[in-house]
């Protein structure tokens, strides 16, 4: 019999956390079968040894994929390999350094999707756990404007309010992933968007997972500039993939991303790339942006387009840089 749910778990050098992640899956209380597919990406610590022990204990529950070389933290090739092994009607995801907190998580989400055929995604609230000081913070995802029972792809294009550990989707809603997906820096958000084009997004207002924030995390360890560049790349590819049906929303978000990226380049004193971002932002600027934001853009534009004059005026105290 095929499992009802397939859980995808990529892991690399997570010997401190992987057991807690796997245990949080194995504690699930369900009236259906599920499988846990672990992709171990040729770790240099004890991660592989640990997942092999779990496979030995739970051979009927765990599918173990052992890479013979490291595919790289920034590569999505390994994830796609896991995805291709999934046999379940529904897919859930859990990174090897996060964990679920409710033994009823899978059952709750399956019950929701079984009862709402026009929904492609179901997710729940997630709590942030800061590993460095062992502290918990208030619910971080989703923020209050997105705690609604029913949402659409338009909502998700504005912001990624779904944590990977909270996500469940219909396997049929994803189909075959497009080739460009393999080369993205961000993996979860575009995956959610590809699925959300086929149905509504449902929300369960209960914390059932924790996102672990630590210095070695892929997203946490990246620079602000790297994060912004990754989001911009994703928006551009998604816009093309959807044949520009959502250009109004995406261009509005790109404007914000380019504005933030321009400020990052200015902090690095990289005027060439700051100017490129300024022009990208200016192309998407609307008269309704408000006087304060328009003045700030004009001031930053003056700095990147006329650096010599800007230095003279700044030395005289006539302008502020607007980057802080």
C-alpha atoms as a PDB file:
ATOM      1  CA  UNK A   1       0.000   0.000   0.000  1.00  0.00           C
ATOM      2  CA  UNK A   2       1.312   3.457  -0.896  1.00  0.00           C
ATOM      3  CA  UNK A   3       1.849   5.923   1.942  1.00  0.00           C
ATOM      4  CA  UNK A   4      -0.623   8.757   2.326  1.00  0.00           C
ATOM      5  CA  UNK A   5       2.153  11.274   3.093  1.00  0.00           C
ATOM      6  CA  UNK A   6       5.800  11.499   2.059  1.00  0.00           C
ATOM      7  CA  UNK A   7       8.062  13.624   4.269  1.00  0.00           C
ATOM      8  CA  UNK A   8      11.173  15.069   2.604  1.00  0.00           C
ATOM      9  CA  UNK A   9      14.163  15.667   4.895  1.00  0.00           C
ATOM     10  CA  UNK A  10      17.474  16.876   3.420  1.00  0.00           C
ATOM     11  CA  UNK A  11      20.397  16.960   5.858  1.00  0.00           C
ATOM     12  CA  UNK A  12      24.078  17.846   5.886  1.00  0.00           C
ATOM     13  CA  UNK A  13      26.411  18.175   8.890  1.00  0.00           C
ATOM     14  CA  UNK A  14      23.542  18.338  11.375  1.00  0.00           C
ATOM     15  CA  UNK A  15      24.671  15.753  13.929  1.00  0.00           C
ATOM     16  CA  UNK A  16      23.503  18.020  16.774  1.00  0.00           C
ATOM     17  CA  UNK A  17      19.955  18.320  15.468  1.00  0.00           C
ATOM     18  CA  UNK A  18      19.057  15.437  13.139  1.00  0.00           C
ATOM     19  CA  UNK A  19      17.891  13.008  15.852  1.00  0.00           C
ATOM     20  CA  UNK A  20      15.382  15.534  17.194  1.00  0.00           C
ATOM     21  CA  UNK A  21      14.083  16.155  13.674  1.00  0.00           C
ATOM     22  CA  UNK A  22      13.668  12.433  12.910  1.00  0.00           C
ATOM     23  CA  UNK A  23      12.075  11.714  16.302  1.00  0.00           C
ATOM     24  CA  UNK A  24       9.532  14.482  15.728  1.00  0.00           C
ATOM     25  CA  UNK A  25       8.442  12.679  12.550  1.00  0.00           C
ATOM     26  CA  UNK A  26       8.357   9.215  14.123  1.00  0.00           C
ATOM     27  CA  UNK A  27       6.158  10.478  16.999  1.00  0.00           C
ATOM     28  CA  UNK A  28       3.310  11.334  14.618  1.00  0.00           C
ATOM     29  CA  UNK A  29      -0.001   9.698  15.506  1.00  0.00           C
ATOM     30  CA  UNK A  30      -1.976   8.999  12.339  1.00  0.00           C
ATOM     31  CA  UNK A  31      -4.645   6.696  10.953  1.00  0.00           C
ATOM     32  CA  UNK A  32      -2.680   6.413   7.679  1.00  0.00           C
ATOM     33  CA  UNK A  33       0.777   5.286   6.593  1.00  0.00           C
ATOM     34  CA  UNK A  34       3.552   7.777   5.954  1.00  0.00           C
ATOM     35  CA  UNK A  35       7.184   7.560   4.834  1.00  0.00           C
ATOM     36  CA  UNK A  36      10.215   9.626   5.788  1.00  0.00           C
ATOM     37  CA  UNK A  37      12.702  10.145   2.966  1.00  0.00           C
ATOM     38  CA  UNK A  38      16.063  11.360   4.261  1.00  0.00           C
ATOM     39  CA  UNK A  39      18.650  12.668   1.806  1.00  0.00           C
ATOM     40  CA  UNK A  40      22.058  12.617   3.534  1.00  0.00           C
ATOM     41  CA  UNK A  41      24.371  14.893   1.562  1.00  0.00           C
ATOM     42  CA  UNK A  42      27.753  13.281   2.313  1.00  0.00           C
ATOM     43  CA  UNK A  43      28.258  14.906   5.711  1.00  0.00           C
ATOM     44  CA  UNK A  44      31.692  15.189   7.309  1.00  0.00           C
ATOM     45  CA  UNK A  45      30.350  14.739  10.849  1.00  0.00           C
ATOM     46  CA  UNK A  46      28.258  11.906  12.391  1.00  0.00           C
ATOM     47  CA  UNK A  47      25.031  12.763  10.561  1.00  0.00           C
ATOM     48  CA  UNK A  48      25.271   9.785   8.214  1.00  0.00           C
ATOM     49  CA  UNK A  49      26.002   7.396  11.065  1.00  0.00           C
ATOM     50  CA  UNK A  50      22.962   8.666  12.978  1.00  0.00           C
ATOM     51  CA  UNK A  51      20.499   8.347  10.091  1.00  0.00           C
ATOM     52  CA  UNK A  52      21.824   4.847   9.313  1.00  0.00           C
ATOM     53  CA  UNK A  53      20.991   3.849  12.889  1.00  0.00           C
ATOM     54  CA  UNK A  54      17.451   5.168  12.448  1.00  0.00           C
ATOM     55  CA  UNK A  55      17.088   3.308   9.156  1.00  0.00           C
ATOM     56  CA  UNK A  56      18.118   0.095  10.900  1.00  0.00           C
ATOM     57  CA  UNK A  57      15.523   0.639  13.643  1.00  0.00           C
ATOM     58  CA  UNK A  58      12.683   1.729  11.351  1.00  0.00           C
ATOM     59  CA  UNK A  59      13.264   0.082   7.955  1.00  0.00           C
ATOM     60  CA  UNK A  60       9.554   0.132   7.064  1.00  0.00           C
ATOM     61  CA  UNK A  61       9.193   3.847   7.761  1.00  0.00           C
ATOM     62  CA  UNK A  62      12.443   5.419   6.542  1.00  0.00           C
ATOM     63  CA  UNK A  63      13.834   5.648   3.009  1.00  0.00           C
ATOM     64  CA  UNK A  64      17.483   6.669   3.098  1.00  0.00           C
ATOM     65  CA  UNK A  65      19.229   8.320   0.138  1.00  0.00           C
ATOM     66  CA  UNK A  66      22.993   8.493   0.647  1.00  0.00           C
ATOM     67  CA  UNK A  67      24.809  10.835  -1.702  1.00  0.00           C
ATOM     68  CA  UNK A  68      28.279   9.700  -2.750  1.00  0.00           C
ATOM     69  CA  UNK A  69      29.401  13.309  -2.973  1.00  0.00           C
ATOM     70  CA  UNK A  70      28.221  16.577  -1.516  1.00  0.00           C
ATOM     71  CA  UNK A  71      25.784  18.367  -3.831  1.00  0.00           C
ATOM     72  CA  UNK A  72      26.365  21.670  -2.035  1.00  0.00           C
ATOM     73  CA  UNK A  73      24.247  23.632   0.430  1.00  0.00           C
ATOM     74  CA  UNK A  74      23.169  26.111  -2.261  1.00  0.00           C
ATOM     75  CA  UNK A  75      22.139  23.407  -4.736  1.00  0.00           C
ATOM     76  CA  UNK A  76      18.567  22.154  -5.043  1.00  0.00           C
ATOM     77  CA  UNK A  77      19.595  19.071  -7.004  1.00  0.00           C
ATOM     78  CA  UNK A  78      19.594  16.970  -3.849  1.00  0.00           C
ATOM     79  CA  UNK A  79      16.134  18.149  -2.896  1.00  0.00           C
ATOM     80  CA  UNK A  80      14.748  17.345  -6.320  1.00  0.00           C
ATOM     81  CA  UNK A  81      16.182  13.827  -5.990  1.00  0.00           C
ATOM     82  CA  UNK A  82      14.251  13.416  -2.732  1.00  0.00           C
ATOM     83  CA  UNK A  83      11.132  14.821  -4.356  1.00  0.00           C
ATOM     84  CA  UNK A  84      11.316  12.243  -7.143  1.00  0.00           C
ATOM     85  CA  UNK A  85      11.265   9.396  -4.605  1.00  0.00           C
ATOM     86  CA  UNK A  86       8.029  10.571  -2.948  1.00  0.00           C
ATOM     87  CA  UNK A  87       5.102   8.191  -3.367  1.00  0.00           C
ATOM     88  CA  UNK A  88       2.545   9.852  -1.120  1.00  0.00           C
ATOM     89  CA  UNK A  89      -0.634  11.672  -2.079  1.00  0.00           C
ATOM     90  CA  UNK A  90       0.568  14.569   0.069  1.00  0.00           C
ATOM     91  CA  UNK A  91       4.056  15.979   0.658  1.00  0.00           C
ATOM     92  CA  UNK A  92       5.468  17.483   3.845  1.00  0.00           C
ATOM     93  CA  UNK A  93       8.916  18.952   4.402  1.00  0.00           C
ATOM     94  CA  UNK A  94      11.280  19.200   7.341  1.00  0.00           C
ATOM     95  CA  UNK A  95      14.882  20.371   7.312  1.00  0.00           C
ATOM     96  CA  UNK A  96      17.296  18.314   9.383  1.00  0.00           C
ATOM     97  CA  UNK A  97      17.849  21.129  11.874  1.00  0.00           C
ATOM     98  CA  UNK A  98      14.158  21.919  12.530  1.00  0.00           C
ATOM     99  CA  UNK A  99      11.530  19.806  14.268  1.00  0.00           C
ATOM    100  CA  UNK A 100       7.812  19.291  14.734  1.00  0.00           C
ATOM    101  CA  UNK A 101       6.238  19.867  18.124  1.00  0.00           C
ATOM    102  CA  UNK A 102       2.789  18.307  17.799  1.00  0.00           C
ATOM    103  CA  UNK A 103       2.204  14.543  17.369  1.00  0.00           C
ATOM    104  CA  UNK A 104      -1.010  15.412  15.526  1.00  0.00           C
ATOM    105  CA  UNK A 105       0.519  17.706  12.900  1.00  0.00           C
ATOM    106  CA  UNK A 106       0.300  15.308   9.950  1.00  0.00           C
ATOM    107  CA  UNK A 107      -3.181  14.104  10.868  1.00  0.00           C
ATOM    108  CA  UNK A 108      -4.519  17.646  11.203  1.00  0.00           C
ATOM    109  CA  UNK A 109      -3.174  18.707   7.824  1.00  0.00           C
ATOM    110  CA  UNK A 110      -4.279  15.550   6.009  1.00  0.00           C
ATOM    111  CA  UNK A 111      -7.783  15.923   7.460  1.00  0.00           C
ATOM    112  CA  UNK A 112      -7.861  19.505   6.199  1.00  0.00           C
ATOM    113  CA  UNK A 113      -6.762  18.672   2.653  1.00  0.00           C
ATOM    114  CA  UNK A 114      -9.026  15.623   2.482  1.00  0.00           C
ATOM    115  CA  UNK A 115     -11.944  17.872   3.375  1.00  0.00           C
ATOM    116  CA  UNK A 116     -11.066  20.771   1.064  1.00  0.00           C
ATOM    117  CA  UNK A 117     -10.457  19.550  -2.471  1.00  0.00           C
ATOM    118  CA  UNK A 118     -10.037  23.077  -3.856  1.00  0.00           C
ATOM    119  CA  UNK A 119      -7.027  23.718  -1.577  1.00  0.00           C
ATOM    120  CA  UNK A 120      -3.524  22.845  -2.793  1.00  0.00           C
ATOM    121  CA  UNK A 121      -1.625  23.785   0.388  1.00  0.00           C
ATOM    122  CA  UNK A 122      -2.190  23.556   4.116  1.00  0.00           C
ATOM    123  CA  UNK A 123       0.181  25.112   6.660  1.00  0.00           C
ATOM    124  CA  UNK A 124       0.258  26.110  10.315  1.00  0.00           C
ATOM    125  CA  UNK A 125       2.017  28.509  12.675  1.00  0.00           C
ATOM    126  CA  UNK A 126       5.723  28.092  13.476  1.00  0.00           C
ATOM    127  CA  UNK A 127       7.797  29.208  16.453  1.00  0.00           C
ATOM    128  CA  UNK A 128      11.364  30.490  16.278  1.00  0.00           C
ATOM    129  CA  UNK A 129      13.986  28.768  18.407  1.00  0.00           C
ATOM    130  CA  UNK A 130      17.287  30.626  18.753  1.00  0.00           C
ATOM    131  CA  UNK A 131      19.958  27.963  19.248  1.00  0.00           C
ATOM    132  CA  UNK A 132      22.669  30.310  20.526  1.00  0.00           C
ATOM    133  CA  UNK A 133      20.833  31.332  23.705  1.00  0.00           C
ATOM    134  CA  UNK A 134      18.178  28.564  23.902  1.00  0.00           C
ATOM    135  CA  UNK A 135      15.396  31.136  23.716  1.00  0.00           C
ATOM    136  CA  UNK A 136      11.954  30.966  22.178  1.00  0.00           C
ATOM    137  CA  UNK A 137      10.389  33.933  20.471  1.00  0.00           C
ATOM    138  CA  UNK A 138       6.735  34.668  19.690  1.00  0.00           C
ATOM    139  CA  UNK A 139       5.173  33.042  16.666  1.00  0.00           C
ATOM    140  CA  UNK A 140       7.042  34.394  13.649  1.00  0.00           C
ATOM    141  CA  UNK A 141       5.227  32.787  10.771  1.00  0.00           C
ATOM    142  CA  UNK A 142       2.809  33.751   9.576  1.00  0.00           C
ATOM    143  CA  UNK A 143       2.599  37.432  10.606  1.00  0.00           C
ATOM    144  CA  UNK A 144      -0.882  38.524  11.666  1.00  0.00           C
ATOM    145  CA  UNK A 145      -2.112  39.795   8.233  1.00  0.00           C
ATOM    146  CA  UNK A 146      -1.676  36.272   6.863  1.00  0.00           C
ATOM    147  CA  UNK A 147      -3.364  34.289   9.631  1.00  0.00           C
ATOM    148  CA  UNK A 148      -6.448  33.630   7.558  1.00  0.00           C
ATOM    149  CA  UNK A 149      -8.132  30.332   6.839  1.00  0.00           C
ATOM    150  CA  UNK A 150      -8.086  30.873   3.090  1.00  0.00           C
ATOM    151  CA  UNK A 151      -5.446  32.612   0.983  1.00  0.00           C
ATOM    152  CA  UNK A 152      -4.297  32.681  -2.638  1.00  0.00           C
ATOM    153  CA  UNK A 153      -1.160  32.816  -4.739  1.00  0.00           C
ATOM    154  CA  UNK A 154      -1.511  36.607  -4.858  1.00  0.00           C
ATOM    155  CA  UNK A 155      -1.037  36.723  -1.080  1.00  0.00           C
ATOM    156  CA  UNK A 156       1.987  34.430  -1.287  1.00  0.00           C
ATOM    157  CA  UNK A 157       3.607  36.568  -3.987  1.00  0.00           C
ATOM    158  CA  UNK A 158       3.694  39.500  -1.589  1.00  0.00           C
ATOM    159  CA  UNK A 159       5.568  37.598   1.090  1.00  0.00           C
ATOM    160  CA  UNK A 160       6.613  34.091   1.997  1.00  0.00           C
ATOM    161  CA  UNK A 161       4.561  33.551   5.142  1.00  0.00           C
ATOM    162  CA  UNK A 162       4.909  29.744   5.122  1.00  0.00           C
ATOM    163  CA  UNK A 163       7.681  28.017   7.061  1.00  0.00           C
ATOM    164  CA  UNK A 164       9.070  24.908   5.383  1.00  0.00           C
ATOM    165  CA  UNK A 165       8.373  22.770   8.451  1.00  0.00           C
ATOM    166  CA  UNK A 166       4.714  23.877   8.415  1.00  0.00           C
ATOM    167  CA  UNK A 167       3.995  23.097   4.772  1.00  0.00           C
ATOM    168  CA  UNK A 168       1.930  20.288   3.291  1.00  0.00           C
ATOM    169  CA  UNK A 169       0.767  20.120  -0.316  1.00  0.00           C
ATOM    170  CA  UNK A 170      -0.863  17.825  -2.822  1.00  0.00           C
ATOM    171  CA  UNK A 171       1.706  15.868  -4.810  1.00  0.00           C
ATOM    172  CA  UNK A 172      -0.476  16.320  -7.896  1.00  0.00           C
ATOM    173  CA  UNK A 173      -0.278  20.118  -7.604  1.00  0.00           C
ATOM    174  CA  UNK A 174       3.469  20.170  -8.209  1.00  0.00           C
ATOM    175  CA  UNK A 175       3.925  17.880 -11.169  1.00  0.00           C
ATOM    176  CA  UNK A 176       7.396  18.083 -12.681  1.00  0.00           C
ATOM    177  CA  UNK A 177       9.547  20.918 -11.396  1.00  0.00           C
ATOM    178  CA  UNK A 178      10.786  23.363 -14.087  1.00  0.00           C
ATOM    179  CA  UNK A 179      14.501  23.192 -15.014  1.00  0.00           C
ATOM    180  CA  UNK A 180      15.227  26.696 -13.686  1.00  0.00           C
ATOM    181  CA  UNK A 181      14.220  25.605 -10.184  1.00  0.00           C
ATOM    182  CA  UNK A 182      17.485  23.668  -9.788  1.00  0.00           C
ATOM    183  CA  UNK A 183      19.595  26.815  -9.938  1.00  0.00           C
ATOM    184  CA  UNK A 184      17.755  29.005  -7.449  1.00  0.00           C
ATOM    185  CA  UNK A 185      19.257  30.036  -4.142  1.00  0.00           C
ATOM    186  CA  UNK A 186      15.819  29.989  -2.493  1.00  0.00           C
ATOM    187  CA  UNK A 187      14.073  26.622  -2.640  1.00  0.00           C
ATOM    188  CA  UNK A 188      10.945  26.753  -0.494  1.00  0.00           C
ATOM    189  CA  UNK A 189       9.156  29.933  -1.613  1.00  0.00           C
ATOM    190  CA  UNK A 190       9.128  29.189  -5.380  1.00  0.00           C
ATOM    191  CA  UNK A 191       8.029  25.628  -4.584  1.00  0.00           C
ATOM    192  CA  UNK A 192       5.069  26.997  -2.615  1.00  0.00           C
ATOM    193  CA  UNK A 193       4.195  29.337  -5.486  1.00  0.00           C
ATOM    194  CA  UNK A 194       4.316  26.579  -8.097  1.00  0.00           C
ATOM    195  CA  UNK A 195       1.882  24.607  -5.979  1.00  0.00           C
ATOM    196  CA  UNK A 196      -0.376  27.571  -5.111  1.00  0.00           C
ATOM    197  CA  UNK A 197      -1.252  28.156  -8.760  1.00  0.00           C
ATOM    198  CA  UNK A 198      -3.423  25.022  -8.537  1.00  0.00           C
ATOM    199  CA  UNK A 199      -5.535  25.840  -5.493  1.00  0.00           C
ATOM    200  CA  UNK A 200      -6.134  27.831  -2.329  1.00  0.00           C
ATOM    201  CA  UNK A 201      -3.817  27.999   0.682  1.00  0.00           C
ATOM    202  CA  UNK A 202      -5.301  26.860   3.991  1.00  0.00           C
ATOM    203  CA  UNK A 203      -4.080  27.863   7.451  1.00  0.00           C
ATOM    204  CA  UNK A 204      -4.367  26.071  10.814  1.00  0.00           C
ATOM    205  CA  UNK A 205      -3.941  28.521  13.679  1.00  0.00           C
ATOM    206  CA  UNK A 206      -1.770  26.378  15.927  1.00  0.00           C
ATOM    207  CA  UNK A 207       1.992  26.193  16.501  1.00  0.00           C
ATOM    208  CA  UNK A 208       3.099  22.706  15.448  1.00  0.00           C
ATOM    209  CA  UNK A 209       6.772  23.166  14.515  1.00  0.00           C
ATOM    210  CA  UNK A 210       9.906  25.085  15.411  1.00  0.00           C
ATOM    211  CA  UNK A 211      12.397  26.736  13.117  1.00  0.00           C
ATOM    212  CA  UNK A 212      15.894  26.549  14.561  1.00  0.00           C
ATOM    213  CA  UNK A 213      17.988  29.667  13.992  1.00  0.00           C
ATOM    214  CA  UNK A 214      21.726  29.091  14.263  1.00  0.00           C
ATOM    215  CA  UNK A 215      24.864  30.502  12.599  1.00  0.00           C
ATOM    216  CA  UNK A 216      25.383  27.431  10.407  1.00  0.00           C
ATOM    217  CA  UNK A 217      21.914  27.669   8.851  1.00  0.00           C
ATOM    218  CA  UNK A 218      21.981  28.278   5.088  1.00  0.00           C
ATOM    219  CA  UNK A 219      19.629  31.271   5.159  1.00  0.00           C
ATOM    220  CA  UNK A 220      20.836  32.698   8.479  1.00  0.00           C
ATOM    221  CA  UNK A 221      24.478  32.621   7.382  1.00  0.00           C
ATOM    222  CA  UNK A 222      23.901  34.533   4.160  1.00  0.00           C
ATOM    223  CA  UNK A 223      24.435  38.299   3.853  1.00  0.00           C
ATOM    224  CA  UNK A 224      21.587  40.771   3.405  1.00  0.00           C
ATOM    225  CA  UNK A 225      22.808  41.407  -0.122  1.00  0.00           C
ATOM    226  CA  UNK A 226      22.847  37.685  -0.912  1.00  0.00           C
ATOM    227  CA  UNK A 227      19.301  37.248   0.392  1.00  0.00           C
ATOM    228  CA  UNK A 228      18.008  40.181  -1.654  1.00  0.00           C
ATOM    229  CA  UNK A 229      19.713  38.969  -4.821  1.00  0.00           C
ATOM    230  CA  UNK A 230      18.189  35.527  -4.282  1.00  0.00           C
ATOM    231  CA  UNK A 231      14.677  36.945  -3.898  1.00  0.00           C
ATOM    232  CA  UNK A 232      15.059  39.147  -6.990  1.00  0.00           C
ATOM    233  CA  UNK A 233      16.206  36.188  -9.074  1.00  0.00           C
ATOM    234  CA  UNK A 234      13.236  34.129  -7.874  1.00  0.00           C
ATOM    235  CA  UNK A 235      10.714  36.884  -8.685  1.00  0.00           C
ATOM    236  CA  UNK A 236      12.085  37.294 -12.202  1.00  0.00           C
ATOM    237  CA  UNK A 237      11.923  33.567 -12.983  1.00  0.00           C
ATOM    238  CA  UNK A 238       8.499  33.122 -11.399  1.00  0.00           C
ATOM    239  CA  UNK A 239       7.148  36.097 -13.358  1.00  0.00           C
ATOM    240  CA  UNK A 240       8.306  34.535 -16.629  1.00  0.00           C
ATOM    241  CA  UNK A 241       7.043  31.081 -15.621  1.00  0.00           C
ATOM    242  CA  UNK A 242       3.553  32.460 -14.980  1.00  0.00           C
ATOM    243  CA  UNK A 243       3.611  34.322 -18.325  1.00  0.00           C
ATOM    244  CA  UNK A 244       3.608  37.677 -16.499  1.00  0.00           C
ATOM    245  CA  UNK A 245       0.066  37.222 -15.171  1.00  0.00           C
ATOM    246  CA  UNK A 246       1.125  38.607 -11.807  1.00  0.00           C
ATOM    247  CA  UNK A 247       3.433  41.381 -13.036  1.00  0.00           C
ATOM    248  CA  UNK A 248       1.662  44.087 -11.047  1.00  0.00           C
ATOM    249  CA  UNK A 249       2.318  42.340  -7.725  1.00  0.00           C
ATOM    250  CA  UNK A 250       5.788  41.122  -8.661  1.00  0.00           C
ATOM    251  CA  UNK A 251       6.993  44.487  -9.979  1.00  0.00           C
ATOM    252  CA  UNK A 252       5.813  46.159  -6.811  1.00  0.00           C
ATOM    253  CA  UNK A 253       7.856  43.676  -4.771  1.00  0.00           C
ATOM    254  CA  UNK A 254      10.861  43.962  -7.101  1.00  0.00           C
ATOM    255  CA  UNK A 255      10.827  47.721  -6.599  1.00  0.00           C
ATOM    256  CA  UNK A 256      11.165  47.192  -2.849  1.00  0.00           C
ATOM    257  CA  UNK A 257      13.905  44.592  -3.280  1.00  0.00           C
ATOM    258  CA  UNK A 258      15.955  46.764  -5.642  1.00  0.00           C
ATOM    259  CA  UNK A 259      15.550  49.716  -3.277  1.00  0.00           C
ATOM    260  CA  UNK A 260      16.931  47.684  -0.371  1.00  0.00           C
ATOM    261  CA  UNK A 261      19.690  46.211  -2.537  1.00  0.00           C
ATOM    262  CA  UNK A 262      20.717  49.683  -3.706  1.00  0.00           C
ATOM    263  CA  UNK A 263      21.203  50.696  -0.077  1.00  0.00           C
ATOM    264  CA  UNK A 264      23.312  47.596   0.561  1.00  0.00           C
ATOM    265  CA  UNK A 265      25.585  48.439  -2.379  1.00  0.00           C
ATOM    266  CA  UNK A 266      25.888  52.021  -1.145  1.00  0.00           C
ATOM    267  CA  UNK A 267      26.982  50.786   2.267  1.00  0.00           C
ATOM    268  CA  UNK A 268      29.702  48.850   0.418  1.00  0.00           C
ATOM    269  CA  UNK A 269      30.498  51.988  -1.619  1.00  0.00           C
ATOM    270  CA  UNK A 270      29.745  50.035  -4.809  1.00  0.00           C
ATOM    271  CA  UNK A 271      28.301  52.886  -6.881  1.00  0.00           C
ATOM    272  CA  UNK A 272      28.224  50.928 -10.142  1.00  0.00           C
ATOM    273  CA  UNK A 273      25.822  48.267  -8.872  1.00  0.00           C
ATOM    274  CA  UNK A 274      23.941  50.782  -6.738  1.00  0.00           C
ATOM    275  CA  UNK A 275      23.214  52.790  -9.891  1.00  0.00           C
ATOM    276  CA  UNK A 276      21.923  49.687 -11.677  1.00  0.00           C
ATOM    277  CA  UNK A 277      19.545  49.024  -8.775  1.00  0.00           C
ATOM    278  CA  UNK A 278      18.438  52.652  -8.779  1.00  0.00           C
ATOM    279  CA  UNK A 279      17.390  52.435 -12.426  1.00  0.00           C
ATOM    280  CA  UNK A 280      15.571  49.136 -11.827  1.00  0.00           C
ATOM    281  CA  UNK A 281      13.756  50.718  -8.912  1.00  0.00           C
ATOM    282  CA  UNK A 282      12.964  53.892 -10.845  1.00  0.00           C
ATOM    283  CA  UNK A 283      11.366  51.877 -13.685  1.00  0.00           C
ATOM    284  CA  UNK A 284       8.844  50.516 -11.206  1.00  0.00           C
ATOM    285  CA  UNK A 285       8.285  53.673  -9.147  1.00  0.00           C
ATOM    286  CA  UNK A 286       4.749  55.065  -9.110  1.00  0.00           C
ATOM    287  CA  UNK A 287       3.533  58.572  -8.370  1.00  0.00           C
ATOM    288  CA  UNK A 288       1.489  57.171  -5.466  1.00  0.00           C
ATOM    289  CA  UNK A 289       4.583  56.110  -3.499  1.00  0.00           C
ATOM    290  CA  UNK A 290       4.349  59.059  -1.128  1.00  0.00           C
ATOM    291  CA  UNK A 291       6.447  62.162  -0.694  1.00  0.00           C
ATOM    292  CA  UNK A 292       8.762  60.754   1.980  1.00  0.00           C
ATOM    293  CA  UNK A 293       9.748  57.668  -0.054  1.00  0.00           C
ATOM    294  CA  UNK A 294      10.086  59.700  -3.261  1.00  0.00           C
ATOM    295  CA  UNK A 295      12.421  62.159  -1.540  1.00  0.00           C
ATOM    296  CA  UNK A 296      14.546  59.289  -0.221  1.00  0.00           C
ATOM    297  CA  UNK A 297      14.770  57.701  -3.671  1.00  0.00           C
ATOM    298  CA  UNK A 298      15.714  61.067  -5.188  1.00  0.00           C
ATOM    299  CA  UNK A 299      18.421  61.593  -2.581  1.00  0.00           C
ATOM    300  CA  UNK A 300      19.890  58.145  -3.161  1.00  0.00           C
ATOM    301  CA  UNK A 301      19.611  58.609  -6.921  1.00  0.00           C
ATOM    302  CA  UNK A 302      21.552  61.856  -6.650  1.00  0.00           C
ATOM    303  CA  UNK A 303      24.278  60.014  -4.767  1.00  0.00           C
ATOM    304  CA  UNK A 304      24.670  57.189  -7.298  1.00  0.00           C
ATOM    305  CA  UNK A 305      24.292  59.298 -10.461  1.00  0.00           C
ATOM    306  CA  UNK A 306      26.314  62.332  -9.395  1.00  0.00           C
ATOM    307  CA  UNK A 307      28.845  61.062  -6.827  1.00  0.00           C
ATOM    308  CA  UNK A 308      31.187  64.042  -7.248  1.00  0.00           C
ATOM    309  CA  UNK A 309      28.474  66.631  -6.567  1.00  0.00           C
ATOM    310  CA  UNK A 310      27.100  64.460  -3.773  1.00  0.00           C
ATOM    311  CA  UNK A 311      30.448  64.553  -1.938  1.00  0.00           C
ATOM    312  CA  UNK A 312      30.555  68.346  -2.185  1.00  0.00           C
ATOM    313  CA  UNK A 313      27.013  68.759  -0.865  1.00  0.00           C
ATOM    314  CA  UNK A 314      27.503  66.197   1.882  1.00  0.00           C
ATOM    315  CA  UNK A 315      30.704  67.900   3.031  1.00  0.00           C
ATOM    316  CA  UNK A 316      28.705  71.087   3.396  1.00  0.00           C
ATOM    317  CA  UNK A 317      25.987  69.286   5.367  1.00  0.00           C
ATOM    318  CA  UNK A 318      23.337  69.901   2.701  1.00  0.00           C
ATOM    319  CA  UNK A 319      22.346  66.237   2.165  1.00  0.00           C
ATOM    320  CA  UNK A 320      22.027  62.988   4.073  1.00  0.00           C
ATOM    321  CA  UNK A 321      22.841  59.624   2.524  1.00  0.00           C
ATOM    322  CA  UNK A 322      19.625  57.884   3.612  1.00  0.00           C
ATOM    323  CA  UNK A 323      21.294  54.487   4.008  1.00  0.00           C
ATOM    324  CA  UNK A 324      21.028  54.111   7.761  1.00  0.00           C
END
